[in-house]
Amino acid sequence: MNKIFYLSSCDTCKRIINELELKEKAFKFQDIKTEKITISQLEELKNKTGSYEALFSKIARKYKELKLNEKKLTEEEMKNLILKEYTFLKRPVILINEKIFVGNSKKTIEEAKKAL
């Protein structure tokens, strides 16, 4: 299944969706603000990346607000934070067949483009 976890209010997500032409490619879209990520979805993503840390956004505003940058978070804490607050999921997360692409780095988006 081809799917993207994204934030509809995020300009970077919008740019990537347009750049990869995902609307024209029958992708399933999940806006993580209006349709929260489930435990089973997060566990599936973790199984594909190998860790919750790979899915965790350390640039989220709340990361500094909550002084999480001063702590060493465990995998379990990262999992719970992502489930509790959508901003902690690194965006976008793109699933293409069995491959996963996390974040918005140029390299990640180029790899996703090749996979399409």
PDB file of N, CA and C in Angstrom:
ATOM      1  N   MET A   1       0.826  -1.183   0.000  1.00  0.00           N
ATOM      2  CA  MET A   1       0.000   0.000   0.000  1.00  0.00           C
ATOM      3  C   MET A   1       0.877   1.255   0.000  1.00  0.00           C
ATOM      4  N   ASN A   2       0.499   2.231  -0.775  1.00  0.00           N
ATOM      5  CA  ASN A   2       1.205   3.505  -0.811  1.00  0.00           C
ATOM      6  C   ASN A   2       0.451   4.503   0.048  1.00  0.00           C
ATOM      7  N   LYS A   3       1.164   5.084   1.001  1.00  0.00           N
ATOM      8  CA  LYS A   3       0.522   5.958   1.976  1.00  0.00           C
ATOM      9  C   LYS A   3       1.484   7.038   2.425  1.00  0.00           C
ATOM     10  N   ILE A   4       0.910   8.174   2.837  1.00  0.00           N
ATOM     11  CA  ILE A   4       1.717   9.240   3.407  1.00  0.00           C
ATOM     12  C   ILE A   4       1.068   9.718   4.696  1.00  0.00           C
ATOM     13  N   PHE A   5       1.881   9.802   5.744  1.00  0.00           N
ATOM     14  CA  PHE A   5       1.482  10.422   7.002  1.00  0.00           C
ATOM     15  C   PHE A   5       2.054  11.833   6.931  1.00  0.00           C
ATOM     16  N   TYR A   6       1.193  12.826   7.054  1.00  0.00           N
ATOM     17  CA  TYR A   6       1.642  14.198   6.850  1.00  0.00           C
ATOM     18  C   TYR A   6       0.792  15.144   7.684  1.00  0.00           C
ATOM     19  N   LEU A   7       1.114  16.425   7.607  1.00  0.00           N
ATOM     20  CA  LEU A   7       0.355  17.466   8.278  1.00  0.00           C
ATOM     21  C   LEU A   7      -0.116  18.426   7.201  1.00  0.00           C
ATOM     22  N   SER A   8      -1.435  18.586   7.062  1.00  0.00           N
ATOM     23  CA  SER A   8      -1.970  19.402   5.972  1.00  0.00           C
ATOM     24  C   SER A   8      -1.598  20.876   6.089  1.00  0.00           C
ATOM     25  N   SER A   9      -1.251  21.313   7.294  1.00  0.00           N
ATOM     26  CA  SER A   9      -0.861  22.714   7.484  1.00  0.00           C
ATOM     27  C   SER A   9       0.639  22.942   7.290  1.00  0.00           C
ATOM     28  N   CYS A  10       1.374  21.884   6.988  1.00  0.00           N
ATOM     29  CA  CYS A  10       2.833  21.971   6.832  1.00  0.00           C
ATOM     30  C   CYS A  10       3.193  22.263   5.372  1.00  0.00           C
ATOM     31  N   ASP A  11       3.810  23.417   5.142  1.00  0.00           N
ATOM     32  CA  ASP A  11       4.195  23.803   3.778  1.00  0.00           C
ATOM     33  C   ASP A  11       5.201  22.835   3.170  1.00  0.00           C
ATOM     34  N   THR A  12       6.100  22.314   3.983  1.00  0.00           N
ATOM     35  CA  THR A  12       7.088  21.357   3.480  1.00  0.00           C
ATOM     36  C   THR A  12       6.391  20.081   3.008  1.00  0.00           C
ATOM     37  N   CYS A  13       5.423  19.597   3.777  1.00  0.00           N
ATOM     38  CA  CYS A  13       4.664  18.405   3.367  1.00  0.00           C
ATOM     39  C   CYS A  13       3.935  18.669   2.052  1.00  0.00           C
ATOM     40  N   LYS A  14       3.301  19.838   1.942  1.00  0.00           N
ATOM     41  CA  LYS A  14       2.583  20.191   0.711  1.00  0.00           C
ATOM     42  C   LYS A  14       3.524  20.204  -0.487  1.00  0.00           C
ATOM     43  N   ARG A  15       4.706  20.782  -0.289  1.00  0.00           N
ATOM     44  CA  ARG A  15       5.690  20.858  -1.374  1.00  0.00           C
ATOM     45  C   ARG A  15       6.109  19.458  -1.823  1.00  0.00           C
ATOM     46  N   ILE A  16       6.358  18.588  -0.863  1.00  0.00           N
ATOM     47  CA  ILE A  16       6.798  17.223  -1.179  1.00  0.00           C
ATOM     48  C   ILE A  16       5.685  16.447  -1.886  1.00  0.00           C
ATOM     49  N   ILE A  17       4.445  16.598  -1.421  1.00  0.00           N
ATOM     50  CA  ILE A  17       3.303  15.929  -2.065  1.00  0.00           C
ATOM     51  C   ILE A  17       3.208  16.363  -3.524  1.00  0.00           C
ATOM     52  N   ASN A  18       3.378  17.654  -3.762  1.00  0.00           N
ATOM     53  CA  ASN A  18       3.329  18.163  -5.140  1.00  0.00           C
ATOM     54  C   ASN A  18       4.527  17.694  -5.955  1.00  0.00           C
ATOM     55  N   GLU A  19       5.712  17.773  -5.354  1.00  0.00           N
ATOM     56  CA  GLU A  19       6.938  17.387  -6.062  1.00  0.00           C
ATOM     57  C   GLU A  19       6.893  15.915  -6.489  1.00  0.00           C
ATOM     58  N   LEU A  20       6.373  15.062  -5.602  1.00  0.00           N
ATOM     59  CA  LEU A  20       6.299  13.627  -5.898  1.00  0.00           C
ATOM     60  C   LEU A  20       5.006  13.249  -6.632  1.00  0.00           C
ATOM     61  N   GLU A  21       4.134  14.235  -6.820  1.00  0.00           N
ATOM     62  CA  GLU A  21       2.847  14.026  -7.510  1.00  0.00           C
ATOM     63  C   GLU A  21       2.041  12.891  -6.878  1.00  0.00           C
ATOM     64  N   LEU A  22       1.966  12.896  -5.552  1.00  0.00           N
ATOM     65  CA  LEU A  22       1.312  11.800  -4.841  1.00  0.00           C
ATOM     66  C   LEU A  22      -0.200  11.783  -5.040  1.00  0.00           C
ATOM     67  N   LYS A  23      -0.820  12.936  -5.237  1.00  0.00           N
ATOM     68  CA  LYS A  23      -2.277  12.967  -5.443  1.00  0.00           C
ATOM     69  C   LYS A  23      -2.652  12.269  -6.740  1.00  0.00           C
ATOM     70  N   GLU A  24      -1.778  12.324  -7.725  1.00  0.00           N
ATOM     71  CA  GLU A  24      -2.035  11.672  -9.010  1.00  0.00           C
ATOM     72  C   GLU A  24      -1.696  10.178  -8.982  1.00  0.00           C
ATOM     73  N   LYS A  25      -1.083   9.709  -7.897  1.00  0.00           N
ATOM     74  CA  LYS A  25      -0.601   8.323  -7.847  1.00  0.00           C
ATOM     75  C   LYS A  25      -1.391   7.448  -6.878  1.00  0.00           C
ATOM     76  N   ALA A  26      -2.614   7.815  -6.586  1.00  0.00           N
ATOM     77  CA  ALA A  26      -3.506   6.992  -5.754  1.00  0.00           C
ATOM     78  C   ALA A  26      -2.911   6.643  -4.385  1.00  0.00           C
ATOM     79  N   PHE A  27      -2.294   7.604  -3.752  1.00  0.00           N
ATOM     80  CA  PHE A  27      -1.786   7.416  -2.400  1.00  0.00           C
ATOM     81  C   PHE A  27      -2.915   7.588  -1.401  1.00  0.00           C
ATOM     82  N   LYS A  28      -2.798   6.890  -0.278  1.00  0.00           N
ATOM     83  CA  LYS A  28      -3.714   7.121   0.832  1.00  0.00           C
ATOM     84  C   LYS A  28      -3.065   8.202   1.693  1.00  0.00           C
ATOM     85  N   PHE A  29      -3.830   9.236   2.021  1.00  0.00           N
ATOM     86  CA  PHE A  29      -3.315  10.359   2.801  1.00  0.00           C
ATOM     87  C   PHE A  29      -3.878  10.292   4.216  1.00  0.00           C
ATOM     88  N   GLN A  30      -2.992  10.439   5.184  1.00  0.00           N
ATOM     89  CA  GLN A  30      -3.440  10.513   6.580  1.00  0.00           C
ATOM     90  C   GLN A  30      -2.857  11.764   7.212  1.00  0.00           C
ATOM     91  N   ASP A  31      -3.736  12.758   7.432  1.00  0.00           N
ATOM     92  CA  ASP A  31      -3.340  13.985   8.122  1.00  0.00           C
ATOM     93  C   ASP A  31      -3.291  13.639   9.608  1.00  0.00           C
ATOM     94  N   ILE A  32      -2.094  13.626  10.174  1.00  0.00           N
ATOM     95  CA  ILE A  32      -1.913  13.152  11.548  1.00  0.00           C
ATOM     96  C   ILE A  32      -2.520  14.078  12.600  1.00  0.00           C
ATOM     97  N   LYS A  33      -2.925  15.266  12.179  1.00  0.00           N
ATOM     98  CA  LYS A  33      -3.584  16.168  13.129  1.00  0.00           C
ATOM     99  C   LYS A  33      -5.059  15.803  13.267  1.00  0.00           C
ATOM    100  N   THR A  34      -5.702  15.476  12.169  1.00  0.00           N
ATOM    101  CA  THR A  34      -7.137  15.175  12.201  1.00  0.00           C
ATOM    102  C   THR A  34      -7.421  13.678  12.336  1.00  0.00           C
ATOM    103  N   GLU A  35      -6.470  12.852  11.952  1.00  0.00           N
ATOM    104  CA  GLU A  35      -6.609  11.395  12.073  1.00  0.00           C
ATOM    105  C   GLU A  35      -5.354  10.864  12.746  1.00  0.00           C
ATOM    106  N   LYS A  36      -5.401  10.851  14.076  1.00  0.00           N
ATOM    107  CA  LYS A  36      -4.213  10.487  14.860  1.00  0.00           C
ATOM    108  C   LYS A  36      -3.648   9.133  14.442  1.00  0.00           C
ATOM    109  N   ILE A  37      -2.348   9.040  14.554  1.00  0.00           N
ATOM    110  CA  ILE A  37      -1.681   7.773  14.261  1.00  0.00           C
ATOM    111  C   ILE A  37      -2.037   6.778  15.369  1.00  0.00           C
ATOM    112  N   THR A  38      -2.299   5.547  14.995  1.00  0.00           N
ATOM    113  CA  THR A  38      -2.678   4.525  15.973  1.00  0.00           C
ATOM    114  C   THR A  38      -1.429   3.802  16.474  1.00  0.00           C
ATOM    115  N   ILE A  39      -1.604   3.088  17.567  1.00  0.00           N
ATOM    116  CA  ILE A  39      -0.498   2.300  18.118  1.00  0.00           C
ATOM    117  C   ILE A  39      -0.017   1.292  17.076  1.00  0.00           C
ATOM    118  N   SER A  40      -0.950   0.591  16.423  1.00  0.00           N
ATOM    119  CA  SER A  40      -0.549  -0.434  15.450  1.00  0.00           C
ATOM    120  C   SER A  40       0.153   0.193  14.249  1.00  0.00           C
ATOM    121  N   GLN A  41      -0.311   1.373  13.803  1.00  0.00           N
ATOM    122  CA  GLN A  41       0.373   2.056  12.697  1.00  0.00           C
ATOM    123  C   GLN A  41       1.800   2.437  13.109  1.00  0.00           C
ATOM    124  N   LEU A  42       1.929   2.998  14.312  1.00  0.00           N
ATOM    125  CA  LEU A  42       3.249   3.421  14.779  1.00  0.00           C
ATOM    126  C   LEU A  42       4.177   2.227  14.927  1.00  0.00           C
ATOM    127  N   GLU A  43       3.661   1.120  15.426  1.00  0.00           N
ATOM    128  CA  GLU A  43       4.487  -0.086  15.569  1.00  0.00           C
ATOM    129  C   GLU A  43       4.923  -0.623  14.206  1.00  0.00           C
ATOM    130  N   GLU A  44       4.038  -0.550  13.226  1.00  0.00           N
ATOM    131  CA  GLU A  44       4.390  -0.976  11.866  1.00  0.00           C
ATOM    132  C   GLU A  44       5.523  -0.089  11.309  1.00  0.00           C
ATOM    133  N   LEU A  45       5.404   1.222  11.519  1.00  0.00           N
ATOM    134  CA  LEU A  45       6.449   2.149  11.064  1.00  0.00           C
ATOM    135  C   LEU A  45       7.765   1.877  11.781  1.00  0.00           C
ATOM    136  N   LYS A  46       7.672   1.613  13.070  1.00  0.00           N
ATOM    137  CA  LYS A  46       8.884   1.313  13.866  1.00  0.00           C
ATOM    138  C   LYS A  46       9.561   0.039  13.354  1.00  0.00           C
ATOM    139  N   ASN A  47       8.746  -0.956  13.000  1.00  0.00           N
ATOM    140  CA  ASN A  47       9.313  -2.204  12.475  1.00  0.00           C
ATOM    141  C   ASN A  47      10.049  -1.966  11.163  1.00  0.00           C
ATOM    142  N   LYS A  48       9.569  -1.024  10.368  1.00  0.00           N
ATOM    143  CA  LYS A  48      10.208  -0.721   9.083  1.00  0.00           C
ATOM    144  C   LYS A  48      11.479   0.118   9.251  1.00  0.00           C
ATOM    145  N   THR A  49      11.498   1.003  10.263  1.00  0.00           N
ATOM    146  CA  THR A  49      12.676   1.866  10.458  1.00  0.00           C
ATOM    147  C   THR A  49      13.677   1.276  11.441  1.00  0.00           C
ATOM    148  N   GLY A  50      13.208   0.422  12.345  1.00  0.00           N
ATOM    149  CA  GLY A  50      14.099  -0.175  13.330  1.00  0.00           C
ATOM    150  C   GLY A  50      14.074   0.515  14.685  1.00  0.00           C
ATOM    151  N   SER A  51      13.478   1.708  14.766  1.00  0.00           N
ATOM    152  CA  SER A  51      13.432   2.400  16.057  1.00  0.00           C
ATOM    153  C   SER A  51      12.373   3.497  16.039  1.00  0.00           C
ATOM    154  N   TYR A  52      11.947   3.877  17.228  1.00  0.00           N
ATOM    155  CA  TYR A  52      11.047   5.023  17.352  1.00  0.00           C
ATOM    156  C   TYR A  52      11.844   6.309  17.156  1.00  0.00           C
ATOM    157  N   GLU A  53      13.112   6.262  17.511  1.00  0.00           N
ATOM    158  CA  GLU A  53      13.962   7.445  17.356  1.00  0.00           C
ATOM    159  C   GLU A  53      14.021   7.902  15.901  1.00  0.00           C
ATOM    160  N   ALA A  54      14.016   6.954  14.962  1.00  0.00           N
ATOM    161  CA  ALA A  54      14.053   7.299  13.532  1.00  0.00           C
ATOM    162  C   ALA A  54      12.790   8.043  13.110  1.00  0.00           C
ATOM    163  N   LEU A  55      11.719   7.880  13.874  1.00  0.00           N
ATOM    164  CA  LEU A  55      10.437   8.514  13.558  1.00  0.00           C
ATOM    165  C   LEU A  55      10.184   9.769  14.387  1.00  0.00           C
ATOM    166  N   PHE A  56      11.067  10.035  15.341  1.00  0.00           N
ATOM    167  CA  PHE A  56      10.852  11.105  16.320  1.00  0.00           C
ATOM    168  C   PHE A  56      11.469  12.420  15.858  1.00  0.00           C
ATOM    169  N   SER A  57      10.667  13.466  15.920  1.00  0.00           N
ATOM    170  CA  SER A  57      11.134  14.787  15.503  1.00  0.00           C
ATOM    171  C   SER A  57      11.702  15.557  16.690  1.00  0.00           C
ATOM    172  N   LYS A  58      12.980  15.865  16.589  1.00  0.00           N
ATOM    173  CA  LYS A  58      13.622  16.665  17.633  1.00  0.00           C
ATOM    174  C   LYS A  58      13.584  18.154  17.304  1.00  0.00           C
ATOM    175  N   ILE A  59      12.936  18.509  16.193  1.00  0.00           N
ATOM    176  CA  ILE A  59      12.809  19.925  15.855  1.00  0.00           C
ATOM    177  C   ILE A  59      11.401  20.455  16.141  1.00  0.00           C
ATOM    178  N   ALA A  60      10.548  19.603  16.691  1.00  0.00           N
ATOM    179  CA  ALA A  60       9.204  20.052  17.075  1.00  0.00           C
ATOM    180  C   ALA A  60       9.337  21.116  18.165  1.00  0.00           C
ATOM    181  N   ARG A  61       8.504  22.134  18.075  1.00  0.00           N
ATOM    182  CA  ARG A  61       8.546  23.226  19.059  1.00  0.00           C
ATOM    183  C   ARG A  61       8.439  22.711  20.482  1.00  0.00           C
ATOM    184  N   LYS A  62       7.554  21.749  20.690  1.00  0.00           N
ATOM    185  CA  LYS A  62       7.333  21.221  22.039  1.00  0.00           C
ATOM    186  C   LYS A  62       8.542  20.478  22.586  1.00  0.00           C
ATOM    187  N   TYR A  63       9.421  20.046  21.702  1.00  0.00           N
ATOM    188  CA  TYR A  63      10.624  19.329  22.141  1.00  0.00           C
ATOM    189  C   TYR A  63      11.450  20.227  23.055  1.00  0.00           C
ATOM    190  N   LYS A  64      11.625  21.477  22.658  1.00  0.00           N
ATOM    191  CA  LYS A  64      12.385  22.429  23.492  1.00  0.00           C
ATOM    192  C   LYS A  64      11.521  22.985  24.619  1.00  0.00           C
ATOM    193  N   GLU A  65      10.243  23.263  24.315  1.00  0.00           N
ATOM    194  CA  GLU A  65       9.334  23.800  25.337  1.00  0.00           C
ATOM    195  C   GLU A  65       9.272  22.890  26.561  1.00  0.00           C
ATOM    196  N   LEU A  66       9.219  21.590  26.317  1.00  0.00           N
ATOM    197  CA  LEU A  66       9.137  20.615  27.405  1.00  0.00           C
ATOM    198  C   LEU A  66      10.524  20.231  27.941  1.00  0.00           C
ATOM    199  N   LYS A  67      11.556  20.895  27.416  1.00  0.00           N
ATOM    200  CA  LYS A  67      12.956  20.649  27.808  1.00  0.00           C
ATOM    201  C   LYS A  67      13.383  19.191  27.596  1.00  0.00           C
ATOM    202  N   LEU A  68      12.806  18.578  26.569  1.00  0.00           N
ATOM    203  CA  LEU A  68      13.158  17.192  26.259  1.00  0.00           C
ATOM    204  C   LEU A  68      14.577  17.102  25.719  1.00  0.00           C
ATOM    205  N   ASN A  69      15.070  18.222  25.166  1.00  0.00           N
ATOM    206  CA  ASN A  69      16.445  18.253  24.655  1.00  0.00           C
ATOM    207  C   ASN A  69      17.463  18.119  25.789  1.00  0.00           C
ATOM    208  N   GLU A  70      17.020  18.269  27.016  1.00  0.00           N
ATOM    209  CA  GLU A  70      17.919  18.141  28.167  1.00  0.00           C
ATOM    210  C   GLU A  70      17.899  16.731  28.749  1.00  0.00           C
ATOM    211  N   LYS A  71      17.064  15.859  28.175  1.00  0.00           N
ATOM    212  CA  LYS A  71      16.925  14.489  28.667  1.00  0.00           C
ATOM    213  C   LYS A  71      17.398  13.502  27.611  1.00  0.00           C
ATOM    214  N   LYS A  72      17.692  12.306  28.062  1.00  0.00           N
ATOM    215  CA  LYS A  72      17.967  11.196  27.151  1.00  0.00           C
ATOM    216  C   LYS A  72      16.694  10.355  27.135  1.00  0.00           C
ATOM    217  N   LEU A  73      15.911  10.526  26.047  1.00  0.00           N
ATOM    218  CA  LEU A  73      14.637   9.827  25.953  1.00  0.00           C
ATOM    219  C   LEU A  73      14.834   8.358  25.585  1.00  0.00           C
ATOM    220  N   THR A  74      14.021   7.508  26.188  1.00  0.00           N
ATOM    221  CA  THR A  74      14.046   6.091  25.836  1.00  0.00           C
ATOM    222  C   THR A  74      13.146   5.875  24.616  1.00  0.00           C
ATOM    223  N   GLU A  75      13.265   4.728  24.009  1.00  0.00           N
ATOM    224  CA  GLU A  75      12.399   4.370  22.874  1.00  0.00           C
ATOM    225  C   GLU A  75      10.925   4.417  23.300  1.00  0.00           C
ATOM    226  N   GLU A  76      10.639   3.903  24.479  1.00  0.00           N
ATOM    227  CA  GLU A  76       9.265   3.880  24.989  1.00  0.00           C
ATOM    228  C   GLU A  76       8.735   5.306  25.181  1.00  0.00           C
ATOM    229  N   GLU A  77       9.568   6.201  25.708  1.00  0.00           N
ATOM    230  CA  GLU A  77       9.152   7.595  25.883  1.00  0.00           C
ATOM    231  C   GLU A  77       8.882   8.254  24.528  1.00  0.00           C
ATOM    232  N   MET A  78       9.737   7.986  23.550  1.00  0.00           N
ATOM    233  CA  MET A  78       9.523   8.543  22.208  1.00  0.00           C
ATOM    234  C   MET A  78       8.215   8.025  21.618  1.00  0.00           C
ATOM    235  N   LYS A  79       7.980   6.738  21.758  1.00  0.00           N
ATOM    236  CA  LYS A  79       6.736   6.128  21.264  1.00  0.00           C
ATOM    237  C   LYS A  79       5.529   6.834  21.885  1.00  0.00           C
ATOM    238  N   ASN A  80       5.536   6.983  23.201  1.00  0.00           N
ATOM    239  CA  ASN A  80       4.406   7.594  23.903  1.00  0.00           C
ATOM    240  C   ASN A  80       4.223   9.054  23.523  1.00  0.00           C
ATOM    241  N   LEU A  81       5.312   9.785  23.334  1.00  0.00           N
ATOM    242  CA  LEU A  81       5.214  11.186  22.921  1.00  0.00           C
ATOM    243  C   LEU A  81       4.607  11.313  21.524  1.00  0.00           C
ATOM    244  N   ILE A  82       5.017  10.445  20.605  1.00  0.00           N
ATOM    245  CA  ILE A  82       4.463  10.478  19.234  1.00  0.00           C
ATOM    246  C   ILE A  82       2.957  10.190  19.281  1.00  0.00           C
ATOM    247  N   LEU A  83       2.559   9.217  20.097  1.00  0.00           N
ATOM    248  CA  LEU A  83       1.144   8.867  20.195  1.00  0.00           C
ATOM    249  C   LEU A  83       0.324   9.974  20.849  1.00  0.00           C
ATOM    250  N   LYS A  84       0.935  10.667  21.793  1.00  0.00           N
ATOM    251  CA  LYS A  84       0.235  11.719  22.536  1.00  0.00           C
ATOM    252  C   LYS A  84       0.151  13.026  21.750  1.00  0.00           C
ATOM    253  N   GLU A  85       1.198  13.356  21.016  1.00  0.00           N
ATOM    254  CA  GLU A  85       1.290  14.659  20.353  1.00  0.00           C
ATOM    255  C   GLU A  85       1.811  14.479  18.929  1.00  0.00           C
ATOM    256  N   TYR A  86       0.958  14.730  17.928  1.00  0.00           N
ATOM    257  CA  TYR A  86       1.301  14.493  16.524  1.00  0.00           C
ATOM    258  C   TYR A  86       2.564  15.220  16.066  1.00  0.00           C
ATOM    259  N   THR A  87       2.900  16.339  16.694  1.00  0.00           N
ATOM    260  CA  THR A  87       4.069  17.111  16.230  1.00  0.00           C
ATOM    261  C   THR A  87       5.385  16.368  16.443  1.00  0.00           C
ATOM    262  N   PHE A  88       5.370  15.322  17.261  1.00  0.00           N
ATOM    263  CA  PHE A  88       6.607  14.574  17.501  1.00  0.00           C
ATOM    264  C   PHE A  88       6.902  13.536  16.422  1.00  0.00           C
ATOM    265  N   LEU A  89       5.983  13.330  15.488  1.00  0.00           N
ATOM    266  CA  LEU A  89       6.268  12.419  14.372  1.00  0.00           C
ATOM    267  C   LEU A  89       7.019  13.197  13.300  1.00  0.00           C
ATOM    268  N   LYS A  90       8.189  12.707  12.947  1.00  0.00           N
ATOM    269  CA  LYS A  90       8.972  13.339  11.880  1.00  0.00           C
ATOM    270  C   LYS A  90       8.172  13.228  10.593  1.00  0.00           C
ATOM    271  N   ARG A  91       8.078  14.353   9.854  1.00  0.00           N
ATOM    272  CA  ARG A  91       7.204  14.373   8.687  1.00  0.00           C
ATOM    273  C   ARG A  91       7.948  14.744   7.418  1.00  0.00           C
ATOM    274  N   PRO A  92       7.364  14.283   6.316  1.00  0.00           N
ATOM    275  CA  PRO A  92       6.320  13.264   6.195  1.00  0.00           C
ATOM    276  C   PRO A  92       6.905  11.866   6.338  1.00  0.00           C
ATOM    277  N   VAL A  93       6.019  10.901   6.535  1.00  0.00           N
ATOM    278  CA  VAL A  93       6.411   9.492   6.486  1.00  0.00           C
ATOM    279  C   VAL A  93       5.697   8.934   5.260  1.00  0.00           C
ATOM    280  N   ILE A  94       6.496   8.450   4.314  1.00  0.00           N
ATOM    281  CA  ILE A  94       5.951   7.956   3.048  1.00  0.00           C
ATOM    282  C   ILE A  94       6.216   6.458   2.939  1.00  0.00           C
ATOM    283  N   LEU A  95       5.146   5.721   2.690  1.00  0.00           N
ATOM    284  CA  LEU A  95       5.265   4.276   2.460  1.00  0.00           C
ATOM    285  C   LEU A  95       5.023   4.014   0.983  1.00  0.00           C
ATOM    286  N   ILE A  96       6.004   3.411   0.337  1.00  0.00           N
ATOM    287  CA  ILE A  96       5.881   3.036  -1.077  1.00  0.00           C
ATOM    288  C   ILE A  96       6.169   1.539  -1.152  1.00  0.00           C
ATOM    289  N   ASN A  97       5.123   0.780  -1.426  1.00  0.00           N
ATOM    290  CA  ASN A  97       5.202  -0.679  -1.378  1.00  0.00           C
ATOM    291  C   ASN A  97       5.707  -1.076   0.007  1.00  0.00           C
ATOM    292  N   GLU A  98       6.829  -1.714   0.118  1.00  0.00           N
ATOM    293  CA  GLU A  98       7.334  -2.108   1.440  1.00  0.00           C
ATOM    294  C   GLU A  98       8.427  -1.177   1.958  1.00  0.00           C
ATOM    295  N   LYS A  99       8.717  -0.117   1.227  1.00  0.00           N
ATOM    296  CA  LYS A  99       9.778   0.812   1.633  1.00  0.00           C
ATOM    297  C   LYS A  99       9.204   1.981   2.418  1.00  0.00           C
ATOM    298  N   ILE A 100      10.037   2.530   3.313  1.00  0.00           N
ATOM    299  CA  ILE A 100       9.619   3.673   4.121  1.00  0.00           C
ATOM    300  C   ILE A 100      10.618   4.807   3.950  1.00  0.00           C
ATOM    301  N   PHE A 101      10.087   6.010   3.889  1.00  0.00           N
ATOM    302  CA  PHE A 101      10.903   7.225   3.746  1.00  0.00           C
ATOM    303  C   PHE A 101      10.421   8.205   4.801  1.00  0.00           C
ATOM    304  N   VAL A 102      11.340   8.589   5.702  1.00  0.00           N
ATOM    305  CA  VAL A 102      10.969   9.422   6.847  1.00  0.00           C
ATOM    306  C   VAL A 102      11.691  10.753   6.789  1.00  0.00           C
ATOM    307  N   GLY A 103      10.918  11.827   6.889  1.00  0.00           N
ATOM    308  CA  GLY A 103      11.503  13.159   6.949  1.00  0.00           C
ATOM    309  C   GLY A 103      11.544  13.834   5.598  1.00  0.00           C
ATOM    310  N   ASN A 104      12.142  15.013   5.593  1.00  0.00           N
ATOM    311  CA  ASN A 104      12.089  15.845   4.393  1.00  0.00           C
ATOM    312  C   ASN A 104      13.458  16.220   3.833  1.00  0.00           C
ATOM    313  N   SER A 105      14.478  15.455   4.191  1.00  0.00           N
ATOM    314  CA  SER A 105      15.805  15.764   3.645  1.00  0.00           C
ATOM    315  C   SER A 105      15.796  15.534   2.131  1.00  0.00           C
ATOM    316  N   LYS A 106      16.648  16.265   1.441  1.00  0.00           N
ATOM    317  CA  LYS A 106      16.749  16.129  -0.024  1.00  0.00           C
ATOM    318  C   LYS A 106      17.006  14.686  -0.416  1.00  0.00           C
ATOM    319  N   LYS A 107      17.916  14.030   0.315  1.00  0.00           N
ATOM    320  CA  LYS A 107      18.294  12.649   0.017  1.00  0.00           C
ATOM    321  C   LYS A 107      17.082  11.714   0.156  1.00  0.00           C
ATOM    322  N   THR A 108      16.323  11.890   1.230  1.00  0.00           N
ATOM    323  CA  THR A 108      15.139  11.048   1.466  1.00  0.00           C
ATOM    324  C   THR A 108      14.122  11.221   0.359  1.00  0.00           C
ATOM    325  N   ILE A 109      13.875  12.460  -0.036  1.00  0.00           N
ATOM    326  CA  ILE A 109      12.884  12.733  -1.076  1.00  0.00           C
ATOM    327  C   ILE A 109      13.358  12.209  -2.436  1.00  0.00           C
ATOM    328  N   GLU A 110      14.648  12.310  -2.712  1.00  0.00           N
ATOM    329  CA  GLU A 110      15.201  11.756  -3.957  1.00  0.00           C
ATOM    330  C   GLU A 110      15.033  10.240  -3.991  1.00  0.00           C
ATOM    331  N   GLU A 111      15.269   9.587  -2.840  1.00  0.00           N
ATOM    332  CA  GLU A 111      15.111   8.124  -2.765  1.00  0.00           C
ATOM    333  C   GLU A 111      13.650   7.744  -2.969  1.00  0.00           C
ATOM    334  N   ALA A 112      12.732   8.513  -2.387  1.00  0.00           N
ATOM    335  CA  ALA A 112      11.300   8.248  -2.562  1.00  0.00           C
ATOM    336  C   ALA A 112      10.904   8.420  -4.026  1.00  0.00           C
ATOM    337  N   LYS A 113      11.464   9.448  -4.658  1.00  0.00           N
ATOM    338  CA  LYS A 113      11.178   9.711  -6.070  1.00  0.00           C
ATOM    339  C   LYS A 113      11.601   8.515  -6.927  1.00  0.00           C
ATOM    340  N   LYS A 114      12.781   7.960  -6.629  1.00  0.00           N
ATOM    341  CA  LYS A 114      13.279   6.796  -7.368  1.00  0.00           C
ATOM    342  C   LYS A 114      12.387   5.573  -7.152  1.00  0.00           C
ATOM    343  N   ALA A 115      11.868   5.430  -5.935  1.00  0.00           N
ATOM    344  CA  ALA A 115      11.017   4.278  -5.605  1.00  0.00           C
ATOM    345  C   ALA A 115       9.657   4.343  -6.319  1.00  0.00           C
ATOM    346  N   LEU A 116       9.254   5.548  -6.683  1.00  0.00           N
ATOM    347  CA  LEU A 116       7.984   5.700  -7.386  1.00  0.00           C
ATOM    348  C   LEU A 116       8.139   5.277  -8.838  1.00  0.00           C
TER     349      LEU A 116
END
